[in-house]
PDB file of N, CA and C in Angstrom:
ATOM      1  N   MET A   1      19.216 -53.057 -88.558  1.00  0.00           N
ATOM      2  CA  MET A   1      20.615 -53.010 -88.841  1.00  0.00           C
ATOM      3  C   MET A   1      21.141 -53.942 -89.789  1.00  0.00           C
ATOM      4  N   ASN A   2      22.439 -53.976 -89.834  1.00  0.00           N
ATOM      5  CA  ASN A   2      23.057 -54.723 -90.867  1.00  0.00           C
ATOM      6  C   ASN A   2      23.415 -56.028 -90.060  1.00  0.00           C
ATOM      7  N   ASP A   3      23.790 -56.880 -91.019  1.00  0.00           N
ATOM      8  CA  ASP A   3      24.238 -58.302 -90.579  1.00  0.00           C
ATOM      9  C   ASP A   3      25.424 -58.115 -89.781  1.00  0.00           C
ATOM     10  N   LYS A   4      26.384 -56.962 -89.794  1.00  0.00           N
ATOM     11  CA  LYS A   4      27.604 -56.824 -89.189  1.00  0.00           C
ATOM     12  C   LYS A   4      27.047 -56.602 -87.875  1.00  0.00           C
ATOM     13  N   GLU A   5      28.048 -57.167 -87.163  1.00  0.00           N
ATOM     14  CA  GLU A   5      28.094 -56.996 -85.595  1.00  0.00           C
ATOM     15  C   GLU A   5      28.807 -55.642 -85.363  1.00  0.00           C
ATOM     16  N   LEU A   6      28.436 -54.793 -84.300  1.00  0.00           N
ATOM     17  CA  LEU A   6      28.922 -53.801 -83.774  1.00  0.00           C
ATOM     18  C   LEU A   6      29.997 -54.111 -82.858  1.00  0.00           C
ATOM     19  N   GLU A   7      31.338 -53.751 -83.201  1.00  0.00           N
ATOM     20  CA  GLU A   7      32.362 -54.132 -82.436  1.00  0.00           C
ATOM     21  C   GLU A   7      32.938 -52.756 -81.887  1.00  0.00           C
ATOM     22  N   LEU A   8      33.106 -52.685 -80.567  1.00  0.00           N
ATOM     23  CA  LEU A   8      33.729 -51.483 -80.032  1.00  0.00           C
ATOM     24  C   LEU A   8      35.073 -51.874 -79.412  1.00  0.00           C
ATOM     25  N   SER A   9      36.038 -51.373 -79.748  1.00  0.00           N
ATOM     26  CA  SER A   9      37.469 -51.376 -79.195  1.00  0.00           C
ATOM     27  C   SER A   9      38.205 -50.212 -78.949  1.00  0.00           C
ATOM     28  N   ASP A  10      39.492 -50.201 -78.432  1.00  0.00           N
ATOM     29  CA  ASP A  10      40.233 -48.981 -78.340  1.00  0.00           C
ATOM     30  C   ASP A  10      40.689 -48.470 -79.739  1.00  0.00           C
ATOM     31  N   LYS A  11      40.351 -49.438 -80.622  1.00  0.00           N
ATOM     32  CA  LYS A  11      40.992 -48.845 -82.136  1.00  0.00           C
ATOM     33  C   LYS A  11      39.681 -48.564 -83.014  1.00  0.00           C
ATOM     34  N   SER A  12      38.531 -48.487 -82.219  1.00  0.00           N
ATOM     35  CA  SER A  12      37.382 -48.225 -82.924  1.00  0.00           C
ATOM     36  C   SER A  12      37.374 -46.604 -83.535  1.00  0.00           C
ATOM     37  N   LYS A  13      36.831 -46.433 -84.539  1.00  0.00           N
ATOM     38  CA  LYS A  13      36.791 -44.914 -85.119  1.00  0.00           C
ATOM     39  C   LYS A  13      35.316 -44.521 -85.184  1.00  0.00           C
ATOM     40  N   VAL A  14      35.190 -43.064 -84.727  1.00  0.00           N
ATOM     41  CA  VAL A  14      33.970 -42.477 -84.751  1.00  0.00           C
ATOM     42  C   VAL A  14      34.073 -41.438 -85.789  1.00  0.00           C
ATOM     43  N   SER A  15      33.128 -41.202 -86.656  1.00  0.00           N
ATOM     44  CA  SER A  15      33.219 -40.057 -87.620  1.00  0.00           C
ATOM     45  C   SER A  15      32.129 -39.142 -87.036  1.00  0.00           C
ATOM     46  N   LEU A  16      32.410 -37.837 -87.026  1.00  0.00           N
ATOM     47  CA  LEU A  16      31.388 -36.797 -86.745  1.00  0.00           C
ATOM     48  C   LEU A  16      31.615 -35.740 -87.417  1.00  0.00           C
ATOM     49  N   ASP A  17      30.446 -35.053 -87.968  1.00  0.00           N
ATOM     50  CA  ASP A  17      30.852 -33.761 -88.821  1.00  0.00           C
ATOM     51  C   ASP A  17      31.287 -32.732 -87.964  1.00  0.00           C
ATOM     52  N   VAL A  18      31.987 -31.583 -88.442  1.00  0.00           N
ATOM     53  CA  VAL A  18      32.436 -30.325 -87.702  1.00  0.00           C
ATOM     54  C   VAL A  18      31.237 -29.777 -87.105  1.00  0.00           C
ATOM     55  N   LYS A  19      30.069 -29.783 -87.514  1.00  0.00           N
ATOM     56  CA  LYS A  19      28.946 -28.906 -86.965  1.00  0.00           C
ATOM     57  C   LYS A  19      28.501 -29.657 -85.523  1.00  0.00           C
ATOM     58  N   ALA A  20      28.581 -31.144 -85.587  1.00  0.00           N
ATOM     59  CA  ALA A  20      28.255 -31.820 -84.228  1.00  0.00           C
ATOM     60  C   ALA A  20      29.088 -31.498 -83.146  1.00  0.00           C
ATOM     61  N   ILE A  21      30.643 -31.499 -83.831  1.00  0.00           N
ATOM     62  CA  ILE A  21      31.629 -31.249 -82.637  1.00  0.00           C
ATOM     63  C   ILE A  21      31.491 -29.707 -82.214  1.00  0.00           C
ATOM     64  N   ILE A  22      31.463 -28.799 -82.782  1.00  0.00           N
ATOM     65  CA  ILE A  22      31.176 -27.478 -82.503  1.00  0.00           C
ATOM     66  C   ILE A  22      30.084 -27.312 -81.648  1.00  0.00           C
ATOM     67  N   GLY A  23      29.023 -28.116 -82.008  1.00  0.00           N
ATOM     68  CA  GLY A  23      27.564 -27.964 -80.941  1.00  0.00           C
ATOM     69  C   GLY A  23      28.030 -28.536 -79.698  1.00  0.00           C
ATOM     70  N   MET A  24      28.742 -29.710 -79.517  1.00  0.00           N
ATOM     71  CA  MET A  24      29.103 -30.217 -78.332  1.00  0.00           C
ATOM     72  C   MET A  24      29.857 -29.356 -77.501  1.00  0.00           C
ATOM     73  N   VAL A  25      30.719 -28.785 -78.093  1.00  0.00           N
ATOM     74  CA  VAL A  25      31.673 -28.011 -77.448  1.00  0.00           C
ATOM     75  C   VAL A  25      30.797 -26.558 -76.961  1.00  0.00           C
ATOM     76  N   VAL A  26      30.130 -25.974 -77.647  1.00  0.00           N
ATOM     77  CA  VAL A  26      29.297 -24.972 -77.401  1.00  0.00           C
ATOM     78  C   VAL A  26      28.301 -25.309 -76.170  1.00  0.00           C
ATOM     79  N   GLY A  27      27.739 -26.509 -76.214  1.00  0.00           N
ATOM     80  CA  GLY A  27      26.894 -27.039 -75.274  1.00  0.00           C
ATOM     81  C   GLY A  27      27.629 -26.953 -73.979  1.00  0.00           C
ATOM     82  N   VAL A  28      28.785 -27.667 -73.909  1.00  0.00           N
ATOM     83  CA  VAL A  28      29.631 -27.921 -72.763  1.00  0.00           C
ATOM     84  C   VAL A  28      29.998 -26.613 -72.117  1.00  0.00           C
ATOM     85  N   ILE A  29      30.337 -25.740 -72.822  1.00  0.00           N
ATOM     86  CA  ILE A  29      30.830 -24.102 -72.578  1.00  0.00           C
ATOM     87  C   ILE A  29      29.572 -23.564 -72.027  1.00  0.00           C
ATOM     88  N   SER A  30      28.466 -23.695 -72.549  1.00  0.00           N
ATOM     89  CA  SER A  30      27.363 -23.082 -71.870  1.00  0.00           C
ATOM     90  C   SER A  30      26.864 -23.770 -70.599  1.00  0.00           C
ATOM     91  N   ILE A  31      26.682 -25.048 -70.546  1.00  0.00           N
ATOM     92  CA  ILE A  31      26.648 -25.484 -69.317  1.00  0.00           C
ATOM     93  C   ILE A  31      27.493 -25.105 -68.110  1.00  0.00           C
ATOM     94  N   ALA A  32      28.752 -25.177 -68.451  1.00  0.00           N
ATOM     95  CA  ALA A  32      29.885 -24.676 -67.521  1.00  0.00           C
ATOM     96  C   ALA A  32      29.573 -23.266 -67.290  1.00  0.00           C
ATOM     97  N   SER A  33      29.306 -22.492 -68.077  1.00  0.00           N
ATOM     98  CA  SER A  33      29.020 -20.948 -67.581  1.00  0.00           C
ATOM     99  C   SER A  33      27.956 -20.673 -66.806  1.00  0.00           C
ATOM    100  N   VAL A  34      27.011 -21.520 -66.953  1.00  0.00           N
ATOM    101  CA  VAL A  34      25.537 -21.481 -66.226  1.00  0.00           C
ATOM    102  C   VAL A  34      25.995 -22.068 -64.784  1.00  0.00           C
ATOM    103  N   TRP A  35      26.829 -23.144 -64.612  1.00  0.00           N
ATOM    104  CA  TRP A  35      27.148 -23.727 -63.402  1.00  0.00           C
ATOM    105  C   TRP A  35      27.954 -22.716 -62.715  1.00  0.00           C
ATOM    106  N   PHE A  36      28.935 -21.931 -63.339  1.00  0.00           N
ATOM    107  CA  PHE A  36      29.856 -21.069 -62.522  1.00  0.00           C
ATOM    108  C   PHE A  36      28.984 -19.849 -62.187  1.00  0.00           C
ATOM    109  N   SER A  37      28.104 -19.356 -62.922  1.00  0.00           N
ATOM    110  CA  SER A  37      27.140 -18.193 -62.650  1.00  0.00           C
ATOM    111  C   SER A  37      26.314 -18.465 -61.526  1.00  0.00           C
ATOM    112  N   LEU A  38      25.771 -19.796 -61.312  1.00  0.00           N
ATOM    113  CA  LEU A  38      24.916 -20.131 -60.345  1.00  0.00           C
ATOM    114  C   LEU A  38      25.429 -20.329 -59.077  1.00  0.00           C
ATOM    115  N   THR A  39      26.798 -20.747 -59.108  1.00  0.00           N
ATOM    116  CA  THR A  39      27.600 -20.967 -57.742  1.00  0.00           C
ATOM    117  C   THR A  39      27.852 -19.443 -57.437  1.00  0.00           C
ATOM    118  N   ALA A  40      28.158 -18.668 -58.214  1.00  0.00           N
ATOM    119  CA  ALA A  40      28.623 -17.377 -57.698  1.00  0.00           C
ATOM    120  C   ALA A  40      27.500 -16.654 -57.200  1.00  0.00           C
ATOM    121  N   GLN A  41      26.316 -16.822 -57.793  1.00  0.00           N
ATOM    122  CA  GLN A  41      24.922 -16.164 -57.126  1.00  0.00           C
ATOM    123  C   GLN A  41      24.760 -16.768 -55.903  1.00  0.00           C
ATOM    124  N   ILE A  42      24.940 -17.930 -55.766  1.00  0.00           N
ATOM    125  CA  ILE A  42      24.636 -18.393 -54.490  1.00  0.00           C
ATOM    126  C   ILE A  42      25.697 -18.272 -53.477  1.00  0.00           C
ATOM    127  N   ALA A  43      26.791 -18.121 -53.623  1.00  0.00           N
ATOM    128  CA  ALA A  43      27.789 -17.569 -52.836  1.00  0.00           C
ATOM    129  C   ALA A  43      27.580 -16.139 -52.359  1.00  0.00           C
ATOM    130  N   GLN A  44      27.146 -15.276 -53.410  1.00  0.00           N
ATOM    131  CA  GLN A  44      26.732 -13.953 -53.145  1.00  0.00           C
ATOM    132  C   GLN A  44      25.623 -13.920 -52.162  1.00  0.00           C
ATOM    133  N   LEU A  45      24.524 -14.604 -52.366  1.00  0.00           N
ATOM    134  CA  LEU A  45      23.370 -14.649 -51.454  1.00  0.00           C
ATOM    135  C   LEU A  45      23.692 -15.169 -50.122  1.00  0.00           C
ATOM    136  N   GLN A  46      24.528 -15.973 -49.866  1.00  0.00           N
ATOM    137  CA  GLN A  46      25.015 -16.471 -48.750  1.00  0.00           C
ATOM    138  C   GLN A  46      25.702 -15.322 -47.866  1.00  0.00           C
ATOM    139  N   LEU A  47      26.438 -14.667 -48.664  1.00  0.00           N
ATOM    140  CA  LEU A  47      27.127 -13.550 -47.984  1.00  0.00           C
ATOM    141  C   LEU A  47      26.169 -12.223 -47.666  1.00  0.00           C
ATOM    142  N   ASP A  48      25.225 -12.117 -48.326  1.00  0.00           N
ATOM    143  CA  ASP A  48      24.139 -11.135 -48.127  1.00  0.00           C
ATOM    144  C   ASP A  48      23.364 -11.656 -46.694  1.00  0.00           C
ATOM    145  N   VAL A  49      23.142 -12.861 -46.593  1.00  0.00           N
ATOM    146  CA  VAL A  49      22.326 -13.538 -45.672  1.00  0.00           C
ATOM    147  C   VAL A  49      23.259 -13.362 -44.380  1.00  0.00           C
ATOM    148  N   ILE A  50      24.263 -13.609 -44.270  1.00  0.00           N
ATOM    149  CA  ILE A  50      25.320 -13.494 -43.122  1.00  0.00           C
ATOM    150  C   ILE A  50      25.380 -11.897 -42.770  1.00  0.00           C
ATOM    151  N   ARG A  51      25.366 -11.006 -43.711  1.00  0.00           N
ATOM    152  CA  ARG A  51      25.614  -9.631 -43.368  1.00  0.00           C
ATOM    153  C   ARG A  51      24.232  -9.231 -42.779  1.00  0.00           C
ATOM    154  N   MET A  52      22.975  -9.661 -43.326  1.00  0.00           N
ATOM    155  CA  MET A  52      21.739  -9.294 -42.835  1.00  0.00           C
ATOM    156  C   MET A  52      21.661  -9.895 -41.307  1.00  0.00           C
ATOM    157  N   GLN A  53      22.150 -11.119 -41.197  1.00  0.00           N
ATOM    158  CA  GLN A  53      22.067 -11.711 -39.604  1.00  0.00           C
ATOM    159  C   GLN A  53      22.693 -11.017 -38.819  1.00  0.00           C
ATOM    160  N   ASP A  54      24.085 -10.332 -39.183  1.00  0.00           N
ATOM    161  CA  ASP A  54      24.998  -9.551 -38.330  1.00  0.00           C
ATOM    162  C   ASP A  54      24.149  -8.258 -38.128  1.00  0.00           C
ATOM    163  N   ALA A  55      23.540  -7.514 -39.129  1.00  0.00           N
ATOM    164  CA  ALA A  55      22.685  -6.509 -39.032  1.00  0.00           C
ATOM    165  C   ALA A  55      21.693  -6.509 -38.088  1.00  0.00           C
ATOM    166  N   THR A  56      21.066  -7.747 -38.191  1.00  0.00           N
ATOM    167  CA  THR A  56      19.827  -7.780 -37.212  1.00  0.00           C
ATOM    168  C   THR A  56      20.301  -8.003 -35.705  1.00  0.00           C
ATOM    169  N   ASP A  57      21.420  -8.822 -35.535  1.00  0.00           N
ATOM    170  CA  ASP A  57      21.969  -8.984 -34.054  1.00  0.00           C
ATOM    171  C   ASP A  57      22.392  -7.770 -33.542  1.00  0.00           C
ATOM    172  N   LEU A  58      23.121  -6.851 -34.387  1.00  0.00           N
ATOM    173  CA  LEU A  58      23.463  -5.528 -33.932  1.00  0.00           C
ATOM    174  C   LEU A  58      22.336  -4.701 -33.650  1.00  0.00           C
ATOM    175  N   ASN A  59      21.291  -4.661 -34.295  1.00  0.00           N
ATOM    176  CA  ASN A  59      20.006  -4.037 -33.921  1.00  0.00           C
ATOM    177  C   ASN A  59      19.381  -4.413 -32.765  1.00  0.00           C
ATOM    178  N   GLU A  60      19.289  -5.665 -32.736  1.00  0.00           N
ATOM    179  CA  GLU A  60      18.574  -6.061 -31.502  1.00  0.00           C
ATOM    180  C   GLU A  60      19.330  -5.896 -30.240  1.00  0.00           C
ATOM    181  N   GLU A  61      20.886  -5.840 -30.106  1.00  0.00           N
ATOM    182  CA  GLU A  61      21.530  -5.410 -29.104  1.00  0.00           C
ATOM    183  C   GLU A  61      21.251  -3.937 -28.844  1.00  0.00           C
ATOM    184  N   PHE A  62      21.408  -3.117 -29.791  1.00  0.00           N
ATOM    185  CA  PHE A  62      21.260  -1.730 -29.814  1.00  0.00           C
ATOM    186  C   PHE A  62      19.676  -1.392 -29.137  1.00  0.00           C
ATOM    187  N   ARG A  63      18.753  -2.245 -29.556  1.00  0.00           N
ATOM    188  CA  ARG A  63      17.483  -1.902 -29.261  1.00  0.00           C
ATOM    189  C   ARG A  63      17.235  -2.199 -27.507  1.00  0.00           C
ATOM    190  N   ILE A  64      17.968  -3.297 -27.286  1.00  0.00           N
ATOM    191  CA  ILE A  64      17.987  -3.560 -25.923  1.00  0.00           C
ATOM    192  C   ILE A  64      18.696  -2.842 -25.039  1.00  0.00           C
ATOM    193  N   LYS A  65      19.914  -2.621 -25.394  1.00  0.00           N
ATOM    194  CA  LYS A  65      20.856  -1.726 -24.355  1.00  0.00           C
ATOM    195  C   LYS A  65      20.706  -0.319 -24.480  1.00  0.00           C
ATOM    196  N   TRP A  66      20.181   0.274 -25.576  1.00  0.00           N
ATOM    197  CA  TRP A  66      20.069   1.858 -25.628  1.00  0.00           C
ATOM    198  C   TRP A  66      19.262   2.255 -24.555  1.00  0.00           C
ATOM    199  N   PRO A  67      17.949   1.837 -24.413  1.00  0.00           N
ATOM    200  CA  PRO A  67      17.094   2.285 -23.529  1.00  0.00           C
ATOM    201  C   PRO A  67      17.622   2.128 -21.930  1.00  0.00           C
ATOM    202  N   ARG A  68      18.302   1.197 -21.865  1.00  0.00           N
ATOM    203  CA  ARG A  68      19.094   0.965 -20.570  1.00  0.00           C
ATOM    204  C   ARG A  68      20.092   1.963 -20.178  1.00  0.00           C
ATOM    205  N   GLY A  69      20.613   2.578 -21.260  1.00  0.00           N
ATOM    206  CA  GLY A  69      21.800   3.496 -20.883  1.00  0.00           C
ATOM    207  C   GLY A  69      23.181   2.681 -20.820  1.00  0.00           C
ATOM    208  N   GLU A  70      23.125   1.485 -21.489  1.00  0.00           N
ATOM    209  CA  GLU A  70      24.400   0.770 -21.335  1.00  0.00           C
ATOM    210  C   GLU A  70      25.253   1.015 -22.680  1.00  0.00           C
ATOM    211  N   MET A  71      24.759   1.784 -23.615  1.00  0.00           N
ATOM    212  CA  MET A  71      25.565   2.056 -24.692  1.00  0.00           C
ATOM    213  C   MET A  71      26.024   3.401 -24.660  1.00  0.00           C
ATOM    214  N   GLY A  72      25.816   4.325 -23.656  1.00  0.00           N
ATOM    215  CA  GLY A  72      26.182   5.654 -23.448  1.00  0.00           C
ATOM    216  C   GLY A  72      24.874   6.514 -23.875  1.00  0.00           C
ATOM    217  N   ALA A  73      25.198   7.654 -23.814  1.00  0.00           N
ATOM    218  CA  ALA A  73      24.252   8.629 -24.291  1.00  0.00           C
ATOM    219  C   ALA A  73      24.826   9.658 -25.219  1.00  0.00           C
ATOM    220  N   LEU A  74      24.109  10.441 -26.124  1.00  0.00           N
ATOM    221  CA  LEU A  74      24.496  11.154 -27.143  1.00  0.00           C
ATOM    222  C   LEU A  74      24.710  12.692 -26.265  1.00  0.00           C
ATOM    223  N   PRO A  75      25.559  13.492 -26.566  1.00  0.00           N
ATOM    224  CA  PRO A  75      25.739  14.870 -26.185  1.00  0.00           C
ATOM    225  C   PRO A  75      24.325  15.615 -26.307  1.00  0.00           C
ATOM    226  N   ASP A  76      23.785  15.450 -27.444  1.00  0.00           N
ATOM    227  CA  ASP A  76      22.441  15.981 -27.720  1.00  0.00           C
ATOM    228  C   ASP A  76      21.279  15.522 -26.510  1.00  0.00           C
ATOM    229  N   ASP A  77      21.373  14.208 -26.022  1.00  0.00           N
ATOM    230  CA  ASP A  77      20.605  13.946 -24.920  1.00  0.00           C
ATOM    231  C   ASP A  77      20.840  14.611 -23.830  1.00  0.00           C
ATOM    232  N   ALA A  78      22.113  14.975 -23.299  1.00  0.00           N
ATOM    233  CA  ALA A  78      22.577  15.528 -22.154  1.00  0.00           C
ATOM    234  C   ALA A  78      21.988  16.978 -22.211  1.00  0.00           C
ATOM    235  N   LYS A  79      21.949  17.559 -23.399  1.00  0.00           N
ATOM    236  CA  LYS A  79      21.564  18.922 -23.658  1.00  0.00           C
ATOM    237  C   LYS A  79      20.006  19.146 -23.397  1.00  0.00           C
ATOM    238  N   GLN A  80      19.400  18.148 -24.020  1.00  0.00           N
ATOM    239  CA  GLN A  80      17.932  18.004 -23.920  1.00  0.00           C
ATOM    240  C   GLN A  80      17.346  17.660 -22.455  1.00  0.00           C
ATOM    241  N   ASP A  81      18.163  16.979 -21.699  1.00  0.00           N
ATOM    242  CA  ASP A  81      17.780  16.537 -20.399  1.00  0.00           C
ATOM    243  C   ASP A  81      18.050  17.930 -19.671  1.00  0.00           C
ATOM    244  N   LEU A  82      18.976  18.725 -19.629  1.00  0.00           N
ATOM    245  CA  LEU A  82      19.029  20.013 -19.037  1.00  0.00           C
ATOM    246  C   LEU A  82      18.233  20.908 -19.385  1.00  0.00           C
ATOM    247  N   ARG A  83      17.752  20.930 -20.653  1.00  0.00           N
ATOM    248  CA  ARG A  83      16.603  22.016 -20.985  1.00  0.00           C
ATOM    249  C   ARG A  83      15.318  21.489 -20.336  1.00  0.00           C
ATOM    250  N   ILE A  84      15.035  20.187 -20.413  1.00  0.00           N
ATOM    251  CA  ILE A  84      13.906  19.771 -19.590  1.00  0.00           C
ATOM    252  C   ILE A  84      13.843  19.959 -18.115  1.00  0.00           C
ATOM    253  N   MET A  85      14.990  19.831 -17.570  1.00  0.00           N
ATOM    254  CA  MET A  85      15.120  20.241 -16.038  1.00  0.00           C
ATOM    255  C   MET A  85      14.803  21.737 -15.884  1.00  0.00           C
ATOM    256  N   TYR A  86      15.404  22.453 -16.531  1.00  0.00           N
ATOM    257  CA  TYR A  86      15.178  24.031 -16.310  1.00  0.00           C
ATOM    258  C   TYR A  86      13.631  24.347 -16.785  1.00  0.00           C
ATOM    259  N   LEU A  87      13.015  23.719 -17.829  1.00  0.00           N
ATOM    260  CA  LEU A  87      11.575  23.856 -17.872  1.00  0.00           C
ATOM    261  C   LEU A  87      10.806  23.440 -16.948  1.00  0.00           C
ATOM    262  N   GLN A  88      11.015  22.323 -16.458  1.00  0.00           N
ATOM    263  CA  GLN A  88      10.337  21.801 -15.157  1.00  0.00           C
ATOM    264  C   GLN A  88      10.431  22.918 -14.062  1.00  0.00           C
ATOM    265  N   LYS A  89      11.533  23.456 -13.623  1.00  0.00           N
ATOM    266  CA  LYS A  89      11.615  24.601 -12.666  1.00  0.00           C
ATOM    267  C   LYS A  89      10.815  25.699 -13.058  1.00  0.00           C
ATOM    268  N   ASP A  90      10.873  26.074 -14.339  1.00  0.00           N
ATOM    269  CA  ASP A  90       9.903  27.275 -14.756  1.00  0.00           C
ATOM    270  C   ASP A  90       8.593  26.975 -14.530  1.00  0.00           C
ATOM    271  N   VAL A  91       8.184  25.619 -14.952  1.00  0.00           N
ATOM    272  CA  VAL A  91       6.693  25.236 -14.754  1.00  0.00           C
ATOM    273  C   VAL A  91       6.352  25.391 -13.397  1.00  0.00           C
ATOM    274  N   GLU A  92       7.061  24.938 -12.481  1.00  0.00           N
ATOM    275  CA  GLU A  92       6.804  24.875 -10.912  1.00  0.00           C
ATOM    276  C   GLU A  92       6.673  26.309 -10.524  1.00  0.00           C
ATOM    277  N   GLU A  93       7.560  27.282 -10.775  1.00  0.00           N
ATOM    278  CA  GLU A  93       7.534  28.541 -10.489  1.00  0.00           C
ATOM    279  C   GLU A  93       6.332  29.335 -11.111  1.00  0.00           C
ATOM    280  N   LEU A  94       5.806  28.999 -12.150  1.00  0.00           N
ATOM    281  CA  LEU A  94       4.709  29.543 -12.944  1.00  0.00           C
ATOM    282  C   LEU A  94       3.416  28.977 -12.171  1.00  0.00           C
ATOM    283  N   LYS A  95       3.553  27.823 -11.694  1.00  0.00           N
ATOM    284  CA  LYS A  95       2.326  27.262 -11.069  1.00  0.00           C
ATOM    285  C   LYS A  95       2.229  28.058  -9.655  1.00  0.00           C
ATOM    286  N   ASP A  96       3.369  28.175  -8.849  1.00  0.00           N
ATOM    287  CA  ASP A  96       3.242  28.927  -7.700  1.00  0.00           C
ATOM    288  C   ASP A  96       2.669  30.371  -7.959  1.00  0.00           C
ATOM    289  N   ILE A  97       3.082  31.038  -8.889  1.00  0.00           N
ATOM    290  CA  ILE A  97       2.558  32.404  -9.348  1.00  0.00           C
ATOM    291  C   ILE A  97       1.060  32.244  -9.539  1.00  0.00           C
ATOM    292  N   VAL A  98       0.628  31.170 -10.241  1.00  0.00           N
ATOM    293  CA  VAL A  98      -0.760  31.229 -10.736  1.00  0.00           C
ATOM    294  C   VAL A  98      -1.566  30.759  -9.290  1.00  0.00           C
ATOM    295  N   LYS A  99      -1.209  30.069  -8.384  1.00  0.00           N
ATOM    296  CA  LYS A  99      -1.639  29.630  -7.109  1.00  0.00           C
ATOM    297  C   LYS A  99      -1.966  31.063  -6.235  1.00  0.00           C
ATOM    298  N   ASP A 100      -0.801  31.767  -6.439  1.00  0.00           N
ATOM    299  CA  ASP A 100      -0.972  33.063  -5.573  1.00  0.00           C
ATOM    300  C   ASP A 100      -1.948  34.092  -6.272  1.00  0.00           C
ATOM    301  N   LEU A 101      -1.801  34.064  -7.466  1.00  0.00           N
ATOM    302  CA  LEU A 101      -2.955  34.931  -8.132  1.00  0.00           C
ATOM    303  C   LEU A 101      -4.211  34.516  -7.872  1.00  0.00           C
ATOM    304  N   GLU A 102      -4.588  33.014  -7.789  1.00  0.00           N
ATOM    305  CA  GLU A 102      -5.903  32.636  -7.409  1.00  0.00           C
ATOM    306  C   GLU A 102      -6.091  32.861  -6.227  1.00  0.00           C
ATOM    307  N   ILE A 103      -5.434  32.799  -5.174  1.00  0.00           N
ATOM    308  CA  ILE A 103      -5.579  33.163  -3.661  1.00  0.00           C
ATOM    309  C   ILE A 103      -6.064  34.556  -3.744  1.00  0.00           C
ATOM    310  N   LYS A 104      -5.141  35.607  -4.338  1.00  0.00           N
ATOM    311  CA  LYS A 104      -5.495  36.989  -4.298  1.00  0.00           C
ATOM    312  C   LYS A 104      -6.750  37.171  -4.935  1.00  0.00           C
ATOM    313  N   SER A 105      -7.128  36.529  -5.911  1.00  0.00           N
ATOM    314  CA  SER A 105      -8.372  37.037  -6.516  1.00  0.00           C
ATOM    315  C   SER A 105      -9.713  36.517  -5.898  1.00  0.00           C
ATOM    316  N   ALA A 106      -9.478  35.403  -5.056  1.00  0.00           N
ATOM    317  CA  ALA A 106     -10.444  34.803  -4.387  1.00  0.00           C
ATOM    318  C   ALA A 106     -10.674  35.499  -3.092  1.00  0.00           C
ATOM    319  N   GLN A 107      -9.633  36.280  -2.448  1.00  0.00           N
ATOM    320  CA  GLN A 107      -9.756  37.235  -1.430  1.00  0.00           C
ATOM    321  C   GLN A 107     -10.446  38.441  -1.682  1.00  0.00           C
ATOM    322  N   ARG A 108     -10.660  38.713  -2.887  1.00  0.00           N
ATOM    323  CA  ARG A 108     -11.277  40.208  -3.129  1.00  0.00           C
ATOM    324  C   ARG A 108     -12.722  40.077  -3.165  1.00  0.00           C
TER     325      ARG A 108
END
């Protein structure tokens, strides 16, 4: 360095070329844009996690309560139950007919 002492005061002057100033401004702007982009992505991911947790809770509630009948039944379920009941009656009648035929064939 020189023999001159480096003195800093409120009246000190700094000389920078225009390229350096533009580079610093671009650097600050790019860092700020990355910061805002990352915070927006983090906020979106947090929102997605909250939505997934709600969906999981609703799924768990449905999984537990639906088989118990606590959440009601679909109209199709009622129709299906009626059909099954009628089919069970038909099967019982057919079993009786088969037994009668077996008895008649055994008697011959």
